[in-house]
Amino acid sequence: METVKDAYDFGFVSLSVGYDEEGLEDALEQNITCFLLEHGLGFAFIVRQKEIIVAVKIRKIDMLFYHIKLCCL
C-alpha cells in the first residue's frame, strides 16, 4: 500500500489561483485516466461524492476508487 503514502503531482491539472475543492475534483475527473495512471496500475474510478453513513451521520467520499488487484475500495 505504498502508493497511498507517496506524494502526488497534480501538475497536469490546470486550476486558477485560489481554487476550491470542487474545482480540484472537477479537474481531476476531467483527467481521470492520467490521475489513475499516477496511482499505478489496477485502479478504477467508481463514483464521485458517494454518501455513506458513519456513526449515524451522512458523510461524503470525494472520489471513490476500486483497486482491482487488492479487491478493495
N, C-alpha and C. Protein backbone atom coordinates (compact mmCIF):
# COMPACT_ATOMS: atom_id res chain seq x y z
N MET A 1 0.83 -1.19 0.00
CA MET A 1 0.00 0.00 0.00
C MET A 1 0.87 1.25 0.00
N GLU A 2 2.07 1.16 -0.46
CA GLU A 2 2.99 2.28 -0.53
C GLU A 2 2.46 3.40 -1.43
N THR A 3 1.60 3.08 -2.38
CA THR A 3 1.08 4.09 -3.30
C THR A 3 0.39 5.21 -2.54
N VAL A 4 -0.35 4.88 -1.51
CA VAL A 4 -1.10 5.87 -0.75
C VAL A 4 -0.15 6.80 0.00
N LYS A 5 1.03 6.32 0.35
CA LYS A 5 1.98 7.12 1.12
C LYS A 5 2.81 8.06 0.25
N ASP A 6 2.85 7.84 -1.06
CA ASP A 6 3.64 8.67 -1.96
C ASP A 6 2.98 10.03 -2.16
N ALA A 7 3.81 11.03 -2.43
CA ALA A 7 3.29 12.36 -2.79
C ALA A 7 2.83 12.32 -4.24
N TYR A 8 1.76 13.03 -4.55
CA TYR A 8 1.23 13.05 -5.91
C TYR A 8 1.50 14.39 -6.57
N ASP A 9 1.76 14.34 -7.85
CA ASP A 9 1.99 15.55 -8.63
C ASP A 9 0.73 15.82 -9.45
N PHE A 10 0.00 16.87 -9.09
CA PHE A 10 -1.21 17.23 -9.80
C PHE A 10 -0.94 18.32 -10.83
N GLY A 11 0.29 18.36 -11.34
CA GLY A 11 0.70 19.37 -12.30
C GLY A 11 -0.08 19.31 -13.60
N PHE A 12 -0.66 18.15 -13.92
CA PHE A 12 -1.43 18.01 -15.16
C PHE A 12 -2.78 18.68 -15.07
N VAL A 13 -3.18 19.12 -13.89
CA VAL A 13 -4.47 19.76 -13.69
C VAL A 13 -4.27 21.27 -13.73
N SER A 14 -5.03 21.96 -14.59
CA SER A 14 -4.92 23.43 -14.63
C SER A 14 -6.03 24.03 -13.80
N LEU A 15 -5.63 24.74 -12.75
CA LEU A 15 -6.58 25.38 -11.85
C LEU A 15 -6.22 26.85 -11.70
N SER A 16 -7.22 27.65 -11.45
CA SER A 16 -6.96 29.07 -11.21
C SER A 16 -6.42 29.25 -9.80
N VAL A 17 -5.78 30.39 -9.57
CA VAL A 17 -5.27 30.71 -8.24
C VAL A 17 -6.46 30.80 -7.28
N GLY A 18 -6.32 30.22 -6.09
CA GLY A 18 -7.40 30.26 -5.11
C GLY A 18 -8.53 29.30 -5.42
N TYR A 19 -8.22 28.20 -6.10
CA TYR A 19 -9.26 27.22 -6.45
C TYR A 19 -9.88 26.61 -5.19
N ASP A 20 -11.07 26.05 -5.33
CA ASP A 20 -11.71 25.37 -4.21
C ASP A 20 -11.66 23.85 -4.44
N GLU A 21 -12.09 23.11 -3.45
CA GLU A 21 -12.04 21.64 -3.52
C GLU A 21 -12.86 21.11 -4.68
N GLU A 22 -14.01 21.70 -4.91
CA GLU A 22 -14.86 21.25 -6.02
C GLU A 22 -14.16 21.47 -7.36
N GLY A 23 -13.43 22.57 -7.48
CA GLY A 23 -12.67 22.84 -8.69
C GLY A 23 -11.60 21.80 -8.92
N LEU A 24 -10.93 21.38 -7.85
CA LEU A 24 -9.92 20.33 -7.95
C LEU A 24 -10.56 19.02 -8.37
N GLU A 25 -11.69 18.67 -7.76
CA GLU A 25 -12.40 17.44 -8.13
C GLU A 25 -12.83 17.46 -9.59
N ASP A 26 -13.36 18.58 -10.04
CA ASP A 26 -13.78 18.70 -11.45
C ASP A 26 -12.59 18.48 -12.38
N ALA A 27 -11.47 19.11 -12.07
CA ALA A 27 -10.28 18.99 -12.91
C ALA A 27 -9.76 17.55 -12.90
N LEU A 28 -9.76 16.91 -11.74
CA LEU A 28 -9.29 15.53 -11.66
C LEU A 28 -10.22 14.59 -12.43
N GLU A 29 -11.52 14.83 -12.32
CA GLU A 29 -12.46 13.98 -13.03
C GLU A 29 -12.29 14.13 -14.55
N GLN A 30 -11.99 15.33 -15.00
CA GLN A 30 -11.76 15.54 -16.43
C GLN A 30 -10.50 14.82 -16.89
N ASN A 31 -9.55 14.62 -16.00
CA ASN A 31 -8.27 13.99 -16.34
C ASN A 31 -8.12 12.65 -15.62
N ILE A 32 -9.22 11.94 -15.42
CA ILE A 32 -9.22 10.74 -14.58
C ILE A 32 -8.25 9.66 -15.06
N THR A 33 -8.08 9.49 -16.35
CA THR A 33 -7.15 8.47 -16.85
C THR A 33 -5.73 8.78 -16.41
N CYS A 34 -5.30 10.01 -16.61
CA CYS A 34 -3.95 10.41 -16.17
C CYS A 34 -3.83 10.31 -14.65
N PHE A 35 -4.88 10.71 -13.95
CA PHE A 35 -4.89 10.66 -12.49
C PHE A 35 -4.70 9.22 -12.00
N LEU A 36 -5.42 8.29 -12.60
CA LEU A 36 -5.30 6.89 -12.19
C LEU A 36 -3.93 6.32 -12.53
N LEU A 37 -3.36 6.71 -13.65
CA LEU A 37 -2.03 6.23 -14.00
C LEU A 37 -0.98 6.74 -13.02
N GLU A 38 -1.19 7.92 -12.44
CA GLU A 38 -0.28 8.44 -11.41
C GLU A 38 -0.29 7.53 -10.18
N HIS A 39 -1.40 6.84 -9.94
CA HIS A 39 -1.54 5.97 -8.78
C HIS A 39 -1.07 4.55 -9.07
N GLY A 40 -0.72 4.26 -10.29
CA GLY A 40 -0.26 2.92 -10.63
C GLY A 40 -1.37 2.11 -11.28
N LEU A 41 -1.02 0.92 -11.71
CA LEU A 41 -1.98 0.04 -12.38
C LEU A 41 -2.95 -0.58 -11.38
N GLY A 42 -4.13 -0.89 -11.85
CA GLY A 42 -5.08 -1.63 -11.03
C GLY A 42 -6.17 -0.80 -10.38
N PHE A 43 -6.20 0.52 -10.60
CA PHE A 43 -7.23 1.36 -10.01
C PHE A 43 -8.36 1.60 -10.99
N ALA A 44 -9.59 1.66 -10.47
CA ALA A 44 -10.76 2.00 -11.28
C ALA A 44 -11.55 3.08 -10.54
N PHE A 45 -11.99 4.09 -11.26
CA PHE A 45 -12.81 5.16 -10.69
C PHE A 45 -14.24 4.64 -10.59
N ILE A 46 -14.83 4.72 -9.41
CA ILE A 46 -16.18 4.20 -9.20
C ILE A 46 -17.22 5.32 -9.23
N VAL A 47 -17.08 6.30 -8.33
CA VAL A 47 -18.10 7.34 -8.22
C VAL A 47 -17.52 8.55 -7.51
N ARG A 48 -18.17 9.67 -7.69
CA ARG A 48 -17.78 10.92 -7.03
C ARG A 48 -18.88 11.32 -6.06
N GLN A 49 -18.50 11.85 -4.90
CA GLN A 49 -19.43 12.31 -3.86
C GLN A 49 -20.37 11.19 -3.40
N LYS A 50 -19.81 10.03 -3.09
CA LYS A 50 -20.58 8.88 -2.61
C LYS A 50 -20.97 9.11 -1.15
N GLU A 51 -22.26 9.05 -0.87
CA GLU A 51 -22.73 9.22 0.50
C GLU A 51 -22.67 7.90 1.25
N ILE A 52 -22.14 7.96 2.47
CA ILE A 52 -22.12 6.80 3.36
C ILE A 52 -22.57 7.26 4.74
N ILE A 53 -23.02 6.33 5.56
CA ILE A 53 -23.45 6.66 6.91
C ILE A 53 -22.39 6.14 7.88
N VAL A 54 -21.87 7.06 8.70
CA VAL A 54 -20.86 6.73 9.71
C VAL A 54 -21.34 7.30 11.03
N ALA A 55 -21.52 6.43 12.01
CA ALA A 55 -21.97 6.86 13.33
C ALA A 55 -23.23 7.72 13.23
N VAL A 56 -24.19 7.26 12.47
CA VAL A 56 -25.50 7.89 12.29
C VAL A 56 -25.41 9.26 11.61
N LYS A 57 -24.30 9.57 10.99
CA LYS A 57 -24.16 10.83 10.24
C LYS A 57 -23.83 10.50 8.79
N ILE A 58 -24.38 11.31 7.89
CA ILE A 58 -24.10 11.13 6.47
C ILE A 58 -22.80 11.83 6.14
N ARG A 59 -21.88 11.09 5.56
CA ARG A 59 -20.58 11.62 5.13
C ARG A 59 -20.47 11.40 3.63
N LYS A 60 -19.60 12.17 2.97
CA LYS A 60 -19.40 12.01 1.54
C LYS A 60 -17.94 11.68 1.27
N ILE A 61 -17.73 10.69 0.42
CA ILE A 61 -16.40 10.35 -0.06
C ILE A 61 -16.22 11.14 -1.35
N ASP A 62 -15.17 11.97 -1.42
CA ASP A 62 -14.97 12.84 -2.58
C ASP A 62 -14.90 12.05 -3.88
N MET A 63 -13.95 11.12 -3.94
CA MET A 63 -13.80 10.29 -5.13
C MET A 63 -13.51 8.87 -4.66
N LEU A 64 -14.31 7.92 -5.11
CA LEU A 64 -14.17 6.53 -4.67
C LEU A 64 -13.53 5.71 -5.78
N PHE A 65 -12.47 4.99 -5.41
CA PHE A 65 -11.74 4.15 -6.35
C PHE A 65 -11.77 2.71 -5.88
N TYR A 66 -11.58 1.79 -6.81
CA TYR A 66 -11.50 0.37 -6.50
C TYR A 66 -10.15 -0.12 -7.01
N HIS A 67 -9.45 -0.88 -6.17
CA HIS A 67 -8.17 -1.46 -6.58
C HIS A 67 -8.44 -2.90 -7.01
N ILE A 68 -8.24 -3.16 -8.28
CA ILE A 68 -8.60 -4.45 -8.86
C ILE A 68 -7.78 -5.60 -8.28
N LYS A 69 -6.46 -5.40 -8.13
CA LYS A 69 -5.61 -6.47 -7.61
C LYS A 69 -5.85 -6.76 -6.14
N LEU A 70 -6.12 -5.71 -5.35
CA LEU A 70 -6.35 -5.88 -3.91
C LEU A 70 -7.81 -6.18 -3.58
N CYS A 71 -8.70 -6.00 -4.55
CA CYS A 71 -10.15 -6.21 -4.37
C CYS A 71 -10.68 -5.39 -3.19
N CYS A 72 -10.35 -4.10 -3.21
CA CYS A 72 -10.86 -3.23 -2.13
C CYS A 72 -11.10 -1.82 -2.66
N LEU A 73 -11.93 -1.09 -1.93
CA LEU A 73 -12.25 0.30 -2.29
C LEU A 73 -11.23 1.22 -1.67
